[in-house]
Amino acid sequence: MESNVPEVIYQILDEAISEEEVEPKSDIPQTLQDFMADIKQTTPDAKAFALKLRQMVLLLEQRTRKAKIQEYLYRHVASSSIPKHLHCLALKLANEHSNNAAARLQLPSADLVPTLVDNSYFHFVLASDNVLAVSVVAKSLIKNALHPRKFVLHIITDRKTYAPMQAWFSLHPLAPAVIEVKALHQFDWLSKGKVPVLEAMEKDQRVRSKFRGGSSATVAKNYTEKPQVIAAKLQALSPKYNSLMNHIRIHLPELFPSLNKVVFLDDDIVIQTDLSALWDIDMNGKVNGAVETCRGEDSFVMSKRFKSYLNFSHPLIANNFDPNECAWAYGMNIFDLEAWRKTNITLTYYHWLEQNLKSDLSLWQLGTLPPGLIAFHGQVHVIDPFWHMLGLGYQDNTTLSDAETAGVIHFNGRAKPWLDIAFPQLRPLWAKYIGFSDKFIKGCHIRVY
């Protein structure tokens, strides 16, 4: 054979993949056996051999990619739906709220109301419409607290979930900690007209149509994109990212005007240590204490930079930000509200939301982290990764022993621990905070899978 055969083969295999190449063709060998039979029959030269090999590899690669993406798409649908047992729990608690005065207690009781604005307490904020998830966060927070009587948890929910949420915490108190349950409509500041951009997002049919066609568009958009990247984009299309509930954290200074510092928690986390130590962290005048997501052993979860979330092909983004700047995570954040009130963070957030709507969502896809990265730009104090371990809803290669060493674990991703698609080796870390003998839990057949 010619001496330059390897170079010819390498050159052919190394060429960029064209869209035409990924179109299915009937003459491409389907198996290695077919490939070898074809080679023996035609005895091609090096170039023809390399082209045939390239076609077959691309075919098999596309089949594998399609199967993987199909799996991620099914997981996206599963994670975006409301499981029957969660719907059941909300209905049973709403019924209890209507029929049992003990399920309608004022939370907190009148004598504890002053603690809600007392800065000598440790204040935590959680916004969610998922009663079961909130119950786990609350219980894990209080059970691991060294001084639970100094903990105040402010639970914000929507109108439809207020009764079930109030019923749960009325009947399942976490004394001596203080629990407040409040619906969005009960905040005077958050009256109609105060959040015009978010109202526009909820009403704008263009954004809605983007969401409805989003899954298919995301899957078909790029024929060379890695399935894991597409999975992350599908996650950003979750309905929660287009709701006021998920944007509520940007209003913390207005919602809690008397508080100096709060820790904001997502509903898909589990706390495994005492979080009062977060108040000892010197934020150096910054507003947002967060864990970075560009450094770490996990090459997917911990490899996020601004270019992972923002579209740097758009001049508005390219002219204002560094694509390689390290990203950070929502889920467990320390917010210095005193420092925040001296900035224009909230206005910046709104400005960029408007810009994204005006540009037909071309600055970033749906999601709250991209505008957060922009709004808090230059105002983030990096905290130790111990305080926030990410990716338990994305990666099944996280071991139980690794997860147990973190102060807070975050099931960000599709595989939420309350779903059938959760990773079984990690679910016990979440499930141990559920009382499976409770009548509401048993009545809705909520169990360890």
Protein backbone atom coordinates (compact mmCIF):
# COMPACT_ATOMS: atom_id res chain seq x y z
CA MET A 1 0.00 0.00 0.00
CA GLU A 2 1.04 3.62 -0.52
CA SER A 3 3.19 5.15 2.22
CA ASN A 4 0.81 8.06 2.64
CA VAL A 5 -2.25 5.89 3.35
CA PRO A 6 -2.48 6.84 7.06
CA GLU A 7 -2.30 10.55 6.18
CA VAL A 8 -5.07 10.17 3.60
CA ILE A 9 -7.30 8.35 6.08
CA TYR A 10 -6.62 10.87 8.88
CA GLN A 11 -7.34 13.76 6.53
CA ILE A 12 -10.70 12.34 5.46
CA LEU A 13 -11.76 11.46 9.01
CA ASP A 14 -10.71 14.87 10.32
CA GLU A 15 -12.82 16.90 7.90
CA ALA A 16 -15.66 18.99 9.35
CA ILE A 17 -19.06 17.29 9.37
CA SER A 18 -21.54 18.81 6.92
CA GLU A 19 -25.31 18.81 7.31
CA GLU A 20 -25.61 16.75 4.14
CA GLU A 21 -23.46 14.00 5.62
CA VAL A 22 -25.80 13.36 8.53
CA GLU A 23 -28.76 12.75 6.23
CA PRO A 24 -29.60 9.02 6.14
CA LYS A 25 -28.41 7.14 3.05
CA SER A 26 -29.37 3.63 2.05
CA ASP A 27 -25.96 2.58 0.73
CA ILE A 28 -24.06 3.02 4.02
CA PRO A 29 -23.08 -0.29 5.70
CA GLN A 30 -25.20 -0.92 8.75
CA THR A 31 -22.83 -3.27 10.58
CA LEU A 32 -19.12 -4.09 10.71
CA GLN A 33 -19.88 -7.31 8.84
CA ASP A 34 -21.57 -5.34 6.03
CA PHE A 35 -18.63 -2.93 5.94
CA MET A 36 -16.04 -5.72 5.58
CA ALA A 37 -18.09 -7.47 2.90
CA ASP A 38 -18.33 -4.21 0.95
CA ILE A 39 -14.57 -3.60 1.23
CA LYS A 40 -13.72 -7.12 0.03
CA GLN A 41 -16.06 -6.79 -2.91
CA THR A 42 -14.93 -3.34 -4.14
CA THR A 43 -11.25 -3.27 -3.00
CA PRO A 44 -11.24 0.53 -2.72
CA ASP A 45 -8.19 2.79 -2.55
CA ALA A 46 -7.26 4.58 0.68
CA LYS A 47 -9.50 7.59 0.03
CA ALA A 48 -12.58 5.51 -0.82
CA PHE A 49 -11.90 3.28 2.20
CA ALA A 50 -11.71 6.31 4.50
CA LEU A 51 -14.89 7.83 3.06
CA LYS A 52 -16.81 4.59 3.55
CA LEU A 53 -15.48 4.23 7.10
CA ARG A 54 -16.38 7.84 7.87
CA GLN A 55 -19.93 7.37 6.59
CA MET A 56 -20.46 4.30 8.74
CA VAL A 57 -19.03 5.88 11.90
CA LEU A 58 -21.19 8.98 11.40
CA LEU A 59 -24.27 6.81 10.90
CA LEU A 60 -23.68 4.88 14.12
CA GLU A 61 -22.80 8.08 15.98
CA GLN A 62 -26.05 9.73 14.87
CA ARG A 63 -28.07 6.69 15.92
CA THR A 64 -26.47 6.70 19.36
CA ARG A 65 -26.93 10.45 19.67
CA LYS A 66 -30.59 10.21 18.65
CA ALA A 67 -31.28 7.50 21.24
CA LYS A 68 -29.55 9.50 23.98
CA ILE A 69 -31.41 12.69 23.10
CA GLN A 70 -34.70 10.77 23.03
CA GLU A 71 -33.94 9.58 26.55
CA TYR A 72 -33.22 13.14 27.69
CA LEU A 73 -36.40 14.40 26.01
CA TYR A 74 -38.51 11.81 27.84
CA ARG A 75 -36.80 12.78 31.10
CA HIS A 76 -37.55 16.44 30.37
CA VAL A 77 -41.25 15.66 29.90
CA ALA A 78 -41.28 13.58 33.10
CA SER A 79 -39.56 16.29 35.14
CA SER A 80 -41.88 19.03 33.84
CA SER A 81 -45.04 17.15 34.79
CA ILE A 82 -46.70 17.08 38.21
CA PRO A 83 -46.49 13.55 39.69
CA LYS A 84 -49.78 12.06 40.82
CA HIS A 85 -48.63 11.67 44.42
CA LEU A 86 -47.70 15.35 44.71
CA HIS A 87 -51.06 16.39 43.28
CA CYS A 88 -52.75 14.04 45.74
CA LEU A 89 -50.84 15.53 48.68
CA ALA A 90 -51.84 19.07 47.74
CA LEU A 91 -55.51 18.08 47.41
CA LYS A 92 -55.61 16.22 50.73
CA LEU A 93 -53.93 19.10 52.56
CA ALA A 94 -56.27 21.64 50.94
CA ASN A 95 -59.22 19.58 52.12
CA GLU A 96 -57.72 19.39 55.62
CA HIS A 97 -57.24 23.16 55.57
CA SER A 98 -60.95 23.61 54.84
CA ASN A 99 -62.22 21.18 57.48
CA ASN A 100 -59.72 21.36 60.35
CA ALA A 101 -59.04 24.57 62.28
CA ALA A 102 -55.73 23.08 63.46
CA ALA A 103 -54.58 23.17 59.83
CA ARG A 104 -55.22 26.90 59.60
CA LEU A 105 -52.93 28.18 62.34
CA GLN A 106 -51.30 31.56 61.99
CA LEU A 107 -47.70 30.93 60.96
CA PRO A 108 -45.89 32.02 62.95
CA SER A 109 -47.98 32.52 66.08
CA ALA A 110 -48.59 36.10 67.20
CA ASP A 111 -45.93 36.00 69.92
CA LEU A 112 -43.27 35.01 67.36
CA VAL A 113 -44.14 37.60 64.70
CA PRO A 114 -41.42 40.03 65.94
CA THR A 115 -38.76 37.45 65.04
CA LEU A 116 -39.63 37.89 61.35
CA VAL A 117 -37.84 41.24 61.30
CA ASP A 118 -35.25 40.57 64.01
CA ASN A 119 -31.73 40.56 62.56
CA SER A 120 -30.33 38.68 65.55
CA TYR A 121 -31.97 35.57 64.02
CA PHE A 122 -30.76 33.57 61.02
CA HIS A 123 -33.21 34.16 58.19
CA PHE A 124 -33.76 31.73 55.33
CA VAL A 125 -36.07 32.22 52.34
CA LEU A 126 -37.59 29.50 50.19
CA ALA A 127 -40.04 30.03 47.30
CA SER A 128 -41.91 27.00 45.98
CA ASP A 129 -45.29 25.46 45.18
CA ASN A 130 -44.09 21.92 46.02
CA VAL A 131 -45.20 21.04 49.56
CA LEU A 132 -43.25 17.78 49.79
CA ALA A 133 -40.01 19.35 48.55
CA VAL A 134 -40.37 22.29 50.94
CA SER A 135 -41.01 19.94 53.85
CA VAL A 136 -37.70 18.17 53.18
CA VAL A 137 -35.73 21.42 52.91
CA ALA A 138 -37.30 22.76 56.10
CA LYS A 139 -36.81 19.58 58.09
CA SER A 140 -33.21 19.09 56.95
CA LEU A 141 -32.45 22.75 57.74
CA ILE A 142 -33.83 22.60 61.27
CA LYS A 143 -32.66 19.07 62.16
CA ASN A 144 -29.06 19.99 61.35
CA ALA A 145 -29.14 23.37 63.10
CA LEU A 146 -27.04 23.79 66.25
CA HIS A 147 -29.40 26.49 67.53
CA PRO A 148 -32.78 25.88 65.83
CA ARG A 149 -34.55 28.44 68.02
CA LYS A 150 -32.53 31.12 66.22
CA PHE A 151 -33.64 29.95 62.77
CA VAL A 152 -36.45 31.68 60.86
CA LEU A 153 -37.65 30.13 57.60
CA HIS A 154 -39.75 32.36 55.34
CA ILE A 155 -41.71 30.16 52.90
CA ILE A 156 -43.17 31.97 49.89
CA THR A 157 -45.71 30.17 47.75
CA ASP A 158 -48.44 30.95 45.23
CA ARG A 159 -52.16 31.42 45.82
CA LYS A 160 -53.19 27.87 44.91
CA THR A 161 -50.57 26.25 47.16
CA TYR A 162 -51.00 28.53 50.16
CA ALA A 163 -53.70 26.41 51.85
CA PRO A 164 -51.85 23.07 51.46
CA MET A 165 -48.56 24.67 52.57
CA GLN A 166 -50.14 26.30 55.61
CA ALA A 167 -51.89 23.05 56.51
CA TRP A 168 -48.67 21.04 56.31
CA PHE A 169 -46.65 23.30 58.59
CA SER A 170 -49.58 23.86 60.97
CA LEU A 171 -49.83 20.11 61.46
CA HIS A 172 -46.07 19.44 61.28
CA PRO A 173 -44.44 22.20 63.36
CA LEU A 174 -40.66 22.43 63.51
CA ALA A 175 -40.38 24.12 66.89
CA PRO A 176 -38.37 25.77 68.27
CA ALA A 177 -37.59 27.18 64.82
CA VAL A 178 -39.88 29.87 63.43
CA ILE A 179 -41.77 29.10 60.21
CA GLU A 180 -43.59 31.74 58.16
CA VAL A 181 -45.85 30.73 55.28
CA LYS A 182 -46.90 33.55 52.98
CA ALA A 183 -48.43 33.67 49.50
CA LEU A 184 -47.28 36.05 46.80
CA HIS A 185 -50.60 37.89 46.80
CA GLN A 186 -50.14 38.66 50.51
CA PHE A 187 -47.09 40.84 49.87
CA ASP A 188 -48.28 44.44 49.59
CA TRP A 189 -45.19 45.43 47.63
CA LEU A 190 -45.85 42.76 45.01
CA SER A 191 -49.16 44.24 43.94
CA LYS A 192 -50.15 44.39 40.30
CA GLY A 193 -47.98 46.69 38.26
CA LYS A 194 -44.88 46.40 40.42
CA VAL A 195 -43.29 43.78 38.20
CA PRO A 196 -44.20 44.78 34.63
CA VAL A 197 -41.46 42.77 32.96
CA LEU A 198 -42.49 39.53 34.63
CA GLU A 199 -46.15 40.17 33.85
CA ALA A 200 -45.12 40.68 30.26
CA MET A 201 -43.25 37.38 30.30
CA GLU A 202 -46.31 35.52 31.58
CA LYS A 203 -48.65 37.12 29.03
CA ASP A 204 -46.40 37.39 26.01
CA GLN A 205 -47.64 34.84 23.48
CA ARG A 206 -44.34 34.92 21.67
CA VAL A 207 -42.53 33.63 24.76
CA ARG A 208 -45.24 31.05 25.31
CA SER A 209 -44.99 29.79 21.74
CA LYS A 210 -41.21 29.65 22.13
CA PHE A 211 -41.72 27.42 25.13
CA ARG A 212 -44.27 25.16 23.47
CA GLY A 213 -42.04 24.53 20.50
CA GLY A 214 -38.91 24.71 22.55
CA SER A 215 -38.26 21.04 23.15
CA SER A 216 -38.44 20.04 19.50
CA ALA A 217 -36.54 23.12 18.39
CA THR A 218 -33.78 22.50 20.90
CA VAL A 219 -33.39 18.87 19.87
CA ALA A 220 -33.36 19.62 16.13
CA LYS A 221 -31.34 22.82 16.30
CA ASN A 222 -27.81 21.45 16.15
CA TYR A 223 -26.97 18.05 14.72
CA THR A 224 -23.48 17.99 16.27
CA GLU A 225 -24.27 19.27 19.77
CA LYS A 226 -23.52 16.85 22.59
CA PRO A 227 -26.60 15.18 24.14
CA GLN A 228 -25.62 16.43 27.62
CA VAL A 229 -25.59 20.01 26.36
CA ILE A 230 -29.03 19.53 24.81
CA ALA A 231 -30.24 18.06 28.11
CA ALA A 232 -29.16 21.22 29.93
CA LYS A 233 -30.97 23.37 27.36
CA LEU A 234 -34.11 21.28 27.76
CA GLN A 235 -33.91 21.83 31.50
CA ALA A 236 -33.90 25.60 30.88
CA LEU A 237 -37.23 25.20 29.07
CA SER A 238 -38.97 24.00 32.24
CA PRO A 239 -42.23 25.95 32.83
CA LYS A 240 -40.98 27.13 36.22
CA TYR A 241 -38.43 29.41 34.55
CA ASN A 242 -41.23 31.46 33.01
CA SER A 243 -43.09 32.05 36.27
CA LEU A 244 -42.97 34.80 38.83
CA MET A 245 -42.17 32.27 41.57
CA ASN A 246 -38.78 31.55 40.08
CA HIS A 247 -37.90 35.22 39.69
CA ILE A 248 -38.87 36.12 43.26
CA ARG A 249 -35.30 36.12 44.56
CA ILE A 250 -34.54 39.28 42.60
CA HIS A 251 -37.06 41.10 44.84
CA LEU A 252 -35.64 40.06 48.20
CA PRO A 253 -34.61 43.58 49.34
CA GLU A 254 -38.17 44.84 48.75
CA LEU A 255 -39.93 41.76 50.14
CA PHE A 256 -37.88 41.85 53.35
CA PRO A 257 -37.10 45.55 53.88
CA SER A 258 -36.15 45.10 57.56
CA LEU A 259 -33.65 42.28 57.06
CA ASN A 260 -29.92 42.76 56.53
CA LYS A 261 -28.95 39.30 55.33
CA VAL A 262 -30.78 36.17 54.17
CA VAL A 263 -29.88 32.78 52.75
CA PHE A 264 -32.04 31.87 49.77
CA LEU A 265 -32.70 28.15 49.27
CA ASP A 266 -34.09 26.25 46.29
CA ASP A 267 -36.65 23.51 46.92
CA ASP A 268 -34.52 20.72 45.41
CA ILE A 269 -31.75 20.82 48.00
CA VAL A 270 -31.03 18.94 51.22
CA ILE A 271 -29.13 20.56 54.08
CA GLN A 272 -26.66 18.31 55.88
CA THR A 273 -24.92 20.73 58.22
CA ASP A 274 -25.56 23.77 60.41
CA LEU A 275 -25.98 26.80 58.14
CA SER A 276 -25.62 29.47 60.81
CA ALA A 277 -21.88 29.51 60.00
CA LEU A 278 -22.76 31.23 56.72
CA TRP A 279 -23.33 34.43 58.70
CA ASP A 280 -19.64 34.37 59.72
CA ILE A 281 -18.46 34.65 56.10
CA ASP A 282 -17.01 38.05 55.26
CA MET A 283 -18.62 39.00 51.95
CA ASN A 284 -16.12 41.84 51.39
CA GLY A 285 -18.92 44.21 50.47
CA LYS A 286 -20.34 41.90 47.79
CA VAL A 287 -24.04 41.11 47.51
CA ASN A 288 -24.21 37.44 46.51
CA GLY A 289 -22.30 34.63 48.22
CA ALA A 290 -22.25 31.70 45.79
CA VAL A 291 -20.30 28.63 44.74
CA GLU A 292 -18.47 28.86 41.41
CA THR A 293 -19.24 26.28 38.74
CA CYS A 294 -16.17 26.46 36.49
CA ARG A 295 -13.76 24.47 38.63
CA GLY A 296 -14.13 20.94 39.95
CA GLU A 297 -13.69 17.26 39.24
CA ASP A 298 -16.97 16.92 37.33
CA SER A 299 -16.15 17.99 33.78
CA PHE A 300 -19.79 18.71 32.91
CA VAL A 301 -21.47 20.13 36.01
CA MET A 302 -18.40 22.13 37.08
CA SER A 303 -17.31 23.49 33.71
CA LYS A 304 -19.73 26.38 33.37
CA ARG A 305 -18.65 29.82 32.20
CA PHE A 306 -20.62 32.78 30.89
CA LYS A 307 -20.45 31.31 27.38
CA SER A 308 -22.35 28.26 28.70
CA TYR A 309 -25.44 30.40 29.29
CA LEU A 310 -25.20 33.56 27.17
CA ASN A 311 -25.17 33.90 23.38
CA PHE A 312 -21.85 35.55 22.58
CA SER A 313 -22.68 35.69 18.89
CA HIS A 314 -25.01 38.56 19.78
CA PRO A 315 -23.20 41.92 19.97
CA LEU A 316 -25.11 43.01 23.08
CA ILE A 317 -23.56 40.10 24.96
CA ALA A 318 -20.18 40.04 23.21
CA ASN A 319 -19.56 43.75 23.81
CA ASN A 320 -20.34 43.65 27.52
CA PHE A 321 -19.12 40.36 28.97
CA ASP A 322 -16.21 37.91 28.96
CA PRO A 323 -17.22 34.48 27.60
CA ASN A 324 -14.65 32.75 29.83
CA GLU A 325 -15.73 34.39 33.07
CA CYS A 326 -16.57 31.79 35.70
CA ALA A 327 -20.26 31.17 36.32
CA TRP A 328 -21.81 30.52 39.72
CA ALA A 329 -24.87 28.67 40.95
CA TYR A 330 -28.29 29.43 42.33
CA GLY A 331 -29.67 27.01 44.91
CA MET A 332 -27.96 28.12 48.13
CA ASN A 333 -26.98 31.77 48.12
CA ILE A 334 -26.11 34.27 50.83
CA PHE A 335 -27.59 37.68 50.02
CA ASP A 336 -26.37 40.78 51.82
CA LEU A 337 -29.52 42.87 51.49
CA GLU A 338 -27.90 45.99 52.96
CA ALA A 339 -25.25 45.96 50.23
CA TRP A 340 -27.86 45.04 47.61
CA ARG A 341 -29.98 48.11 48.37
CA LYS A 342 -27.02 50.32 47.46
CA THR A 343 -26.83 48.84 43.94
CA ASN A 344 -28.97 48.78 40.80
CA ILE A 345 -28.98 44.96 40.59
CA THR A 346 -32.77 44.60 40.33
CA LEU A 347 -33.06 47.31 37.66
CA THR A 348 -30.22 45.67 35.72
CA TYR A 349 -32.01 42.33 35.90
CA TYR A 350 -35.19 43.87 34.48
CA HIS A 351 -33.30 45.77 31.81
CA TRP A 352 -31.72 42.61 30.45
CA LEU A 353 -34.98 40.67 30.64
CA GLU A 354 -36.51 43.37 28.45
CA GLN A 355 -33.56 43.23 26.06
CA ASN A 356 -33.92 39.47 25.73
CA LEU A 357 -37.64 39.78 24.98
CA LYS A 358 -37.00 42.52 22.42
CA SER A 359 -34.32 40.40 20.74
CA ASP A 360 -36.71 37.43 20.44
CA LEU A 361 -34.92 35.47 23.16
CA SER A 362 -31.65 35.59 21.24
CA LEU A 363 -29.50 36.67 24.22
CA TRP A 364 -30.28 33.47 26.13
CA GLN A 365 -32.99 30.84 26.27
CA LEU A 366 -35.56 30.70 29.04
CA GLY A 367 -34.00 30.45 32.47
CA THR A 368 -33.23 32.67 35.47
CA LEU A 369 -29.50 32.11 35.86
CA PRO A 370 -28.45 33.99 32.67
CA PRO A 371 -30.03 37.32 33.75
CA GLY A 372 -28.74 36.61 37.25
CA LEU A 373 -25.18 36.26 35.97
CA ILE A 374 -25.57 39.66 34.32
CA ALA A 375 -27.35 41.45 37.18
CA PHE A 376 -24.93 40.25 39.88
CA HIS A 377 -21.87 40.77 37.67
CA GLY A 378 -19.07 42.06 39.89
CA GLN A 379 -21.15 41.51 43.04
CA VAL A 380 -20.43 37.82 43.70
CA HIS A 381 -18.32 36.60 46.61
CA VAL A 382 -17.11 33.05 45.97
CA ILE A 383 -17.72 30.65 48.88
CA ASP A 384 -16.29 27.22 49.59
CA PRO A 385 -17.77 24.39 47.43
CA PHE A 386 -18.53 22.52 50.66
CA TRP A 387 -21.59 24.74 51.04
CA HIS A 388 -23.19 23.71 47.76
CA MET A 389 -22.66 20.42 45.92
CA LEU A 390 -24.34 20.52 42.52
CA GLY A 391 -25.48 18.11 39.86
CA LEU A 392 -27.31 15.38 41.79
CA GLY A 393 -30.17 15.63 39.32
CA TYR A 394 -27.87 15.49 36.28
CA GLN A 395 -25.13 13.00 36.97
CA ASP A 396 -25.60 9.47 38.20
CA ASN A 397 -21.87 9.04 38.80
CA THR A 398 -22.02 11.02 42.06
CA THR A 399 -21.41 8.54 44.87
CA LEU A 400 -23.31 8.44 48.14
CA SER A 401 -20.09 8.86 50.11
CA ASP A 402 -19.13 11.98 48.14
CA ALA A 403 -22.56 13.52 48.56
CA GLU A 404 -22.58 12.86 52.30
CA THR A 405 -19.51 15.06 52.79
CA ALA A 406 -21.18 18.23 51.44
CA GLY A 407 -22.95 20.78 53.61
CA VAL A 408 -25.74 21.24 51.07
CA ILE A 409 -26.56 18.91 48.19
CA HIS A 410 -28.51 20.15 45.19
CA PHE A 411 -30.62 17.93 42.94
CA ASN A 412 -30.49 20.46 40.12
CA GLY A 413 -31.38 18.83 36.84
CA ARG A 414 -34.21 16.62 35.67
CA ALA A 415 -33.82 13.73 38.11
CA LYS A 416 -35.54 15.31 41.10
CA PRO A 417 -35.62 13.02 44.14
CA TRP A 418 -39.45 13.03 44.24
CA LEU A 419 -39.67 11.69 40.66
CA ASP A 420 -39.48 8.12 39.40
CA ILE A 421 -36.48 9.11 37.28
CA ALA A 422 -34.36 10.06 40.32
CA PHE A 423 -31.04 8.29 40.75
CA PRO A 424 -31.75 5.50 43.26
CA GLN A 425 -28.37 5.64 45.00
CA LEU A 426 -28.87 9.33 45.86
CA ARG A 427 -32.58 9.41 46.72
CA PRO A 428 -32.07 8.14 50.33
CA LEU A 429 -30.25 11.39 51.20
CA TRP A 430 -33.52 13.18 50.47
CA ALA A 431 -36.03 10.54 51.54
CA LYS A 432 -34.69 10.24 55.10
CA TYR A 433 -36.36 13.55 55.90
CA ILE A 434 -39.83 12.25 54.99
CA GLY A 435 -42.03 10.65 57.62
CA PHE A 436 -43.44 7.76 55.63
CA SER A 437 -45.80 6.82 58.46
CA ASP A 438 -47.54 10.21 58.23
CA LYS A 439 -51.21 9.84 57.24
CA PHE A 440 -50.97 12.29 54.35
CA ILE A 441 -47.81 10.68 53.01
CA LYS A 442 -49.27 7.18 53.30
CA GLY A 443 -52.61 8.30 51.90
CA CYS A 444 -50.92 9.47 48.70
CA HIS A 445 -48.70 6.39 48.42
CA ILE A 446 -45.50 8.38 48.71
CA ARG A 447 -42.75 5.88 49.38
CA VAL A 448 -39.07 5.11 49.01
CA TYR A 449 -38.77 3.56 45.56
